[in-house]
Amino acid sequence: MGQHPISPQRTLLLSILSYGELTIAFSIFYLFTDSLSWKTSSAGQAIYFSAATATTLGIGDIRPADVIGRDLVIAQLAVFAVFVLLFLSTFVSRAGSEPPRA
């Protein structure tokens, strides 16, 4: 380990920022591949679809319009599943290893 202990607050903040960055990145992929079902896709709609996909809500008002869009959705779900699993395992392992406070 390094000189400084790892801060759980910093890890949480960076995890939330990374989640947001991945959501924005996938929305850019959706927008530039023009793979959403709406006739005129905007940045807001792409972010909305990406956020709904990342949280696994799958609202249904916007859908992938083609095979590329479907493949992007599958990739996004896989990336976010791994992200959530790593996030949970990190915090569960930290919760179990901290000494009890007096």
N, C-alpha and C. Protein backbone atom coordinates (compact mmCIF):
# COMPACT_ATOMS: atom_id res chain seq x y z
N MET A 1 0.83 -1.18 0.00
CA MET A 1 0.00 0.00 0.00
C MET A 1 0.87 1.23 0.00
N GLY A 2 0.27 2.36 -0.34
CA GLY A 2 0.99 3.62 -0.40
C GLY A 2 1.17 4.24 0.97
N GLN A 3 1.60 5.47 0.96
CA GLN A 3 1.85 6.19 2.19
C GLN A 3 0.56 6.62 2.89
N HIS A 4 -0.47 6.86 2.12
CA HIS A 4 -1.72 7.36 2.67
C HIS A 4 -2.79 6.28 2.64
N PRO A 5 -3.59 6.17 3.69
CA PRO A 5 -4.67 5.18 3.66
C PRO A 5 -5.75 5.60 2.65
N ILE A 6 -6.45 4.62 2.16
CA ILE A 6 -7.51 4.89 1.20
C ILE A 6 -8.73 5.40 1.94
N SER A 7 -9.24 6.53 1.50
CA SER A 7 -10.41 7.14 2.14
C SER A 7 -11.69 6.58 1.53
N PRO A 8 -12.59 6.03 2.36
CA PRO A 8 -13.86 5.51 1.82
C PRO A 8 -14.71 6.62 1.18
N GLN A 9 -14.64 7.83 1.72
CA GLN A 9 -15.41 8.94 1.15
C GLN A 9 -14.90 9.28 -0.25
N ARG A 10 -13.59 9.30 -0.41
CA ARG A 10 -13.00 9.59 -1.72
C ARG A 10 -13.34 8.48 -2.71
N THR A 11 -13.27 7.25 -2.27
CA THR A 11 -13.61 6.12 -3.13
C THR A 11 -15.06 6.21 -3.58
N LEU A 12 -15.96 6.56 -2.67
CA LEU A 12 -17.37 6.69 -3.01
C LEU A 12 -17.58 7.82 -4.01
N LEU A 13 -16.95 8.96 -3.79
CA LEU A 13 -17.09 10.10 -4.69
C LEU A 13 -16.57 9.75 -6.09
N LEU A 14 -15.41 9.14 -6.15
CA LEU A 14 -14.85 8.77 -7.45
C LEU A 14 -15.70 7.70 -8.15
N SER A 15 -16.31 6.82 -7.40
CA SER A 15 -17.20 5.81 -7.99
C SER A 15 -18.42 6.47 -8.61
N ILE A 16 -18.99 7.42 -7.91
CA ILE A 16 -20.17 8.13 -8.44
C ILE A 16 -19.80 8.92 -9.69
N LEU A 17 -18.64 9.58 -9.67
CA LEU A 17 -18.19 10.32 -10.85
C LEU A 17 -17.93 9.38 -12.03
N SER A 18 -17.34 8.24 -11.77
CA SER A 18 -17.09 7.26 -12.84
C SER A 18 -18.40 6.73 -13.42
N TYR A 19 -19.38 6.50 -12.58
CA TYR A 19 -20.70 6.05 -13.03
C TYR A 19 -21.30 7.09 -13.98
N GLY A 20 -21.20 8.36 -13.59
CA GLY A 20 -21.72 9.43 -14.44
C GLY A 20 -20.95 9.55 -15.75
N GLU A 21 -19.64 9.42 -15.68
CA GLU A 21 -18.82 9.49 -16.90
C GLU A 21 -19.16 8.36 -17.87
N LEU A 22 -19.36 7.16 -17.35
CA LEU A 22 -19.73 6.05 -18.21
C LEU A 22 -21.11 6.26 -18.83
N THR A 23 -22.03 6.82 -18.07
CA THR A 23 -23.36 7.11 -18.60
C THR A 23 -23.27 8.11 -19.74
N ILE A 24 -22.48 9.16 -19.56
CA ILE A 24 -22.30 10.17 -20.60
C ILE A 24 -21.60 9.57 -21.82
N ALA A 25 -20.57 8.74 -21.59
CA ALA A 25 -19.84 8.12 -22.70
C ALA A 25 -20.77 7.26 -23.56
N PHE A 26 -21.61 6.45 -22.92
CA PHE A 26 -22.52 5.62 -23.70
C PHE A 26 -23.58 6.47 -24.39
N SER A 27 -23.99 7.58 -23.79
CA SER A 27 -24.96 8.44 -24.47
C SER A 27 -24.34 9.04 -25.74
N ILE A 28 -23.05 9.34 -25.69
CA ILE A 28 -22.36 9.84 -26.88
C ILE A 28 -22.31 8.76 -27.95
N PHE A 29 -22.04 7.51 -27.55
CA PHE A 29 -22.06 6.41 -28.52
C PHE A 29 -23.43 6.29 -29.18
N TYR A 30 -24.50 6.35 -28.37
CA TYR A 30 -25.85 6.26 -28.92
C TYR A 30 -26.13 7.40 -29.88
N LEU A 31 -25.70 8.59 -29.53
CA LEU A 31 -25.99 9.77 -30.34
C LEU A 31 -25.24 9.72 -31.67
N PHE A 32 -23.95 9.39 -31.64
CA PHE A 32 -23.16 9.41 -32.87
C PHE A 32 -23.40 8.22 -33.78
N THR A 33 -23.91 7.13 -33.26
CA THR A 33 -24.25 6.00 -34.12
C THR A 33 -25.70 6.10 -34.60
N ASP A 34 -26.42 7.11 -34.12
CA ASP A 34 -27.82 7.34 -34.50
C ASP A 34 -28.62 6.05 -34.35
N SER A 35 -28.51 5.44 -33.18
CA SER A 35 -29.12 4.13 -32.97
C SER A 35 -30.30 4.15 -32.01
N LEU A 36 -30.92 5.32 -31.82
CA LEU A 36 -32.12 5.39 -30.98
C LEU A 36 -33.36 5.45 -31.85
N SER A 37 -34.49 5.03 -31.30
CA SER A 37 -35.71 4.91 -32.10
C SER A 37 -36.38 6.24 -32.41
N TRP A 38 -36.00 7.32 -31.77
CA TRP A 38 -36.63 8.61 -32.04
C TRP A 38 -36.09 9.16 -33.35
N LYS A 39 -36.95 9.86 -34.08
CA LYS A 39 -36.56 10.40 -35.39
C LYS A 39 -35.41 11.40 -35.27
N THR A 40 -35.51 12.33 -34.34
CA THR A 40 -34.46 13.33 -34.15
C THR A 40 -33.89 13.15 -32.74
N SER A 41 -32.81 12.44 -32.65
CA SER A 41 -32.19 12.19 -31.35
C SER A 41 -31.40 13.43 -30.92
N SER A 42 -31.57 13.80 -29.67
CA SER A 42 -30.81 14.92 -29.13
C SER A 42 -29.90 14.40 -28.02
N ALA A 43 -29.00 15.25 -27.56
CA ALA A 43 -28.09 14.87 -26.48
C ALA A 43 -28.88 14.53 -25.22
N GLY A 44 -29.92 15.29 -24.93
CA GLY A 44 -30.74 15.03 -23.75
C GLY A 44 -31.42 13.67 -23.80
N GLN A 45 -31.94 13.31 -24.97
CA GLN A 45 -32.59 12.01 -25.13
C GLN A 45 -31.58 10.87 -25.01
N ALA A 46 -30.38 11.09 -25.54
CA ALA A 46 -29.35 10.06 -25.46
C ALA A 46 -28.91 9.85 -24.01
N ILE A 47 -28.76 10.95 -23.26
CA ILE A 47 -28.39 10.84 -21.84
C ILE A 47 -29.52 10.16 -21.06
N TYR A 48 -30.75 10.55 -21.35
CA TYR A 48 -31.92 9.94 -20.70
C TYR A 48 -31.95 8.43 -20.96
N PHE A 49 -31.75 8.02 -22.21
CA PHE A 49 -31.76 6.60 -22.54
C PHE A 49 -30.61 5.87 -21.87
N SER A 50 -29.43 6.48 -21.88
CA SER A 50 -28.27 5.86 -21.27
C SER A 50 -28.45 5.71 -19.76
N ALA A 51 -29.01 6.72 -19.11
CA ALA A 51 -29.25 6.65 -17.66
C ALA A 51 -30.30 5.59 -17.34
N ALA A 52 -31.35 5.53 -18.16
CA ALA A 52 -32.39 4.51 -17.94
C ALA A 52 -31.82 3.11 -18.14
N THR A 53 -30.93 2.96 -19.10
CA THR A 53 -30.29 1.67 -19.34
C THR A 53 -29.32 1.32 -18.21
N ALA A 54 -28.54 2.30 -17.76
CA ALA A 54 -27.54 2.06 -16.71
C ALA A 54 -28.20 1.65 -15.40
N THR A 55 -29.36 2.21 -15.11
CA THR A 55 -30.05 1.88 -13.86
C THR A 55 -30.97 0.69 -14.03
N THR A 56 -30.97 0.09 -15.21
CA THR A 56 -31.79 -1.05 -15.60
C THR A 56 -33.29 -0.78 -15.47
N LEU A 57 -33.70 0.46 -15.58
CA LEU A 57 -35.13 0.77 -15.57
C LEU A 57 -35.78 0.34 -16.87
N GLY A 58 -35.12 0.64 -17.99
CA GLY A 58 -35.66 0.24 -19.29
C GLY A 58 -37.06 0.74 -19.50
N ILE A 59 -37.26 2.03 -19.51
CA ILE A 59 -38.59 2.62 -19.52
C ILE A 59 -39.37 2.24 -20.77
N GLY A 60 -38.75 2.22 -21.94
CA GLY A 60 -39.42 1.73 -23.14
C GLY A 60 -39.88 2.78 -24.11
N ASP A 61 -39.83 4.06 -23.75
CA ASP A 61 -40.26 5.08 -24.69
C ASP A 61 -39.21 5.35 -25.77
N ILE A 62 -37.95 5.05 -25.49
CA ILE A 62 -36.89 5.09 -26.49
C ILE A 62 -36.28 3.69 -26.53
N ARG A 63 -36.07 3.19 -27.73
CA ARG A 63 -35.50 1.86 -27.90
C ARG A 63 -34.33 1.94 -28.87
N PRO A 64 -33.46 0.93 -28.84
CA PRO A 64 -32.43 0.87 -29.88
C PRO A 64 -33.11 0.66 -31.23
N ALA A 65 -32.66 1.41 -32.23
CA ALA A 65 -33.31 1.35 -33.54
C ALA A 65 -32.70 0.30 -34.47
N ASP A 66 -31.51 -0.17 -34.13
CA ASP A 66 -30.85 -1.11 -35.03
C ASP A 66 -29.95 -2.05 -34.22
N VAL A 67 -29.23 -2.89 -34.94
CA VAL A 67 -28.36 -3.88 -34.31
C VAL A 67 -27.23 -3.21 -33.54
N ILE A 68 -26.70 -2.13 -34.07
CA ILE A 68 -25.63 -1.40 -33.38
C ILE A 68 -26.14 -0.88 -32.03
N GLY A 69 -27.32 -0.33 -32.02
CA GLY A 69 -27.91 0.15 -30.77
C GLY A 69 -28.13 -0.97 -29.78
N ARG A 70 -28.62 -2.09 -30.26
CA ARG A 70 -28.83 -3.25 -29.38
C ARG A 70 -27.51 -3.73 -28.79
N ASP A 71 -26.48 -3.78 -29.62
CA ASP A 71 -25.17 -4.21 -29.13
C ASP A 71 -24.59 -3.22 -28.13
N LEU A 72 -24.84 -1.93 -28.34
CA LEU A 72 -24.39 -0.92 -27.37
C LEU A 72 -25.10 -1.08 -26.04
N VAL A 73 -26.40 -1.39 -26.08
CA VAL A 73 -27.15 -1.62 -24.84
C VAL A 73 -26.59 -2.82 -24.10
N ILE A 74 -26.30 -3.89 -24.81
CA ILE A 74 -25.74 -5.08 -24.18
C ILE A 74 -24.38 -4.76 -23.56
N ALA A 75 -23.56 -4.01 -24.29
CA ALA A 75 -22.24 -3.63 -23.76
C ALA A 75 -22.39 -2.74 -22.53
N GLN A 76 -23.32 -1.79 -22.59
CA GLN A 76 -23.52 -0.90 -21.44
C GLN A 76 -23.99 -1.68 -20.22
N LEU A 77 -24.92 -2.59 -20.41
CA LEU A 77 -25.39 -3.39 -19.28
C LEU A 77 -24.28 -4.25 -18.69
N ALA A 78 -23.43 -4.80 -19.54
CA ALA A 78 -22.32 -5.61 -19.05
C ALA A 78 -21.32 -4.76 -18.26
N VAL A 79 -20.98 -3.60 -18.80
CA VAL A 79 -20.04 -2.70 -18.11
C VAL A 79 -20.60 -2.27 -16.77
N PHE A 80 -21.86 -1.89 -16.73
CA PHE A 80 -22.44 -1.41 -15.48
C PHE A 80 -22.66 -2.54 -14.48
N ALA A 81 -22.92 -3.75 -14.95
CA ALA A 81 -23.03 -4.89 -14.02
C ALA A 81 -21.70 -5.14 -13.33
N VAL A 82 -20.62 -5.12 -14.11
CA VAL A 82 -19.29 -5.30 -13.53
C VAL A 82 -18.97 -4.14 -12.58
N PHE A 83 -19.31 -2.93 -12.99
CA PHE A 83 -19.06 -1.75 -12.16
C PHE A 83 -19.77 -1.87 -10.81
N VAL A 84 -21.03 -2.24 -10.83
CA VAL A 84 -21.80 -2.36 -9.58
C VAL A 84 -21.24 -3.49 -8.71
N LEU A 85 -20.87 -4.59 -9.32
CA LEU A 85 -20.29 -5.70 -8.54
C LEU A 85 -18.98 -5.29 -7.88
N LEU A 86 -18.12 -4.59 -8.61
CA LEU A 86 -16.86 -4.13 -8.03
C LEU A 86 -17.11 -3.10 -6.93
N PHE A 87 -18.06 -2.22 -7.16
CA PHE A 87 -18.40 -1.19 -6.17
C PHE A 87 -18.89 -1.85 -4.88
N LEU A 88 -19.82 -2.79 -5.01
CA LEU A 88 -20.35 -3.45 -3.82
C LEU A 88 -19.30 -4.27 -3.10
N SER A 89 -18.48 -5.00 -3.84
CA SER A 89 -17.46 -5.82 -3.18
C SER A 89 -16.43 -4.96 -2.46
N THR A 90 -16.11 -3.80 -3.02
CA THR A 90 -15.16 -2.90 -2.35
C THR A 90 -15.70 -2.42 -1.02
N PHE A 91 -16.94 -1.97 -1.02
CA PHE A 91 -17.49 -1.42 0.22
C PHE A 91 -17.87 -2.50 1.24
N VAL A 92 -18.27 -3.66 0.78
CA VAL A 92 -18.56 -4.75 1.72
C VAL A 92 -17.28 -5.23 2.38
N SER A 93 -16.20 -5.33 1.61
CA SER A 93 -14.93 -5.76 2.19
C SER A 93 -14.39 -4.74 3.18
N ARG A 94 -14.60 -3.46 2.90
CA ARG A 94 -14.16 -2.41 3.83
C ARG A 94 -14.99 -2.42 5.12
N ALA A 95 -16.28 -2.67 4.97
CA ALA A 95 -17.16 -2.67 6.15
C ALA A 95 -16.78 -3.81 7.09
N GLY A 96 -16.36 -4.93 6.53
CA GLY A 96 -15.99 -6.07 7.35
C GLY A 96 -14.61 -5.97 7.95
N SER A 97 -13.74 -5.13 7.38
CA SER A 97 -12.36 -5.07 7.87
C SER A 97 -12.08 -3.91 8.81
N GLU A 98 -13.02 -3.00 8.97
CA GLU A 98 -12.79 -1.86 9.86
C GLU A 98 -12.94 -2.30 11.31
N PRO A 99 -12.03 -1.86 12.17
CA PRO A 99 -12.15 -2.21 13.59
C PRO A 99 -13.35 -1.49 14.20
N PRO A 100 -13.99 -2.10 15.20
CA PRO A 100 -15.14 -1.44 15.83
C PRO A 100 -14.70 -0.18 16.55
N ARG A 101 -15.56 0.82 16.49
CA ARG A 101 -15.26 2.09 17.14
C ARG A 101 -15.77 2.08 18.57
N ALA A 102 -15.00 2.69 19.44
CA ALA A 102 -15.38 2.71 20.86
C ALA A 102 -16.26 3.89 21.18
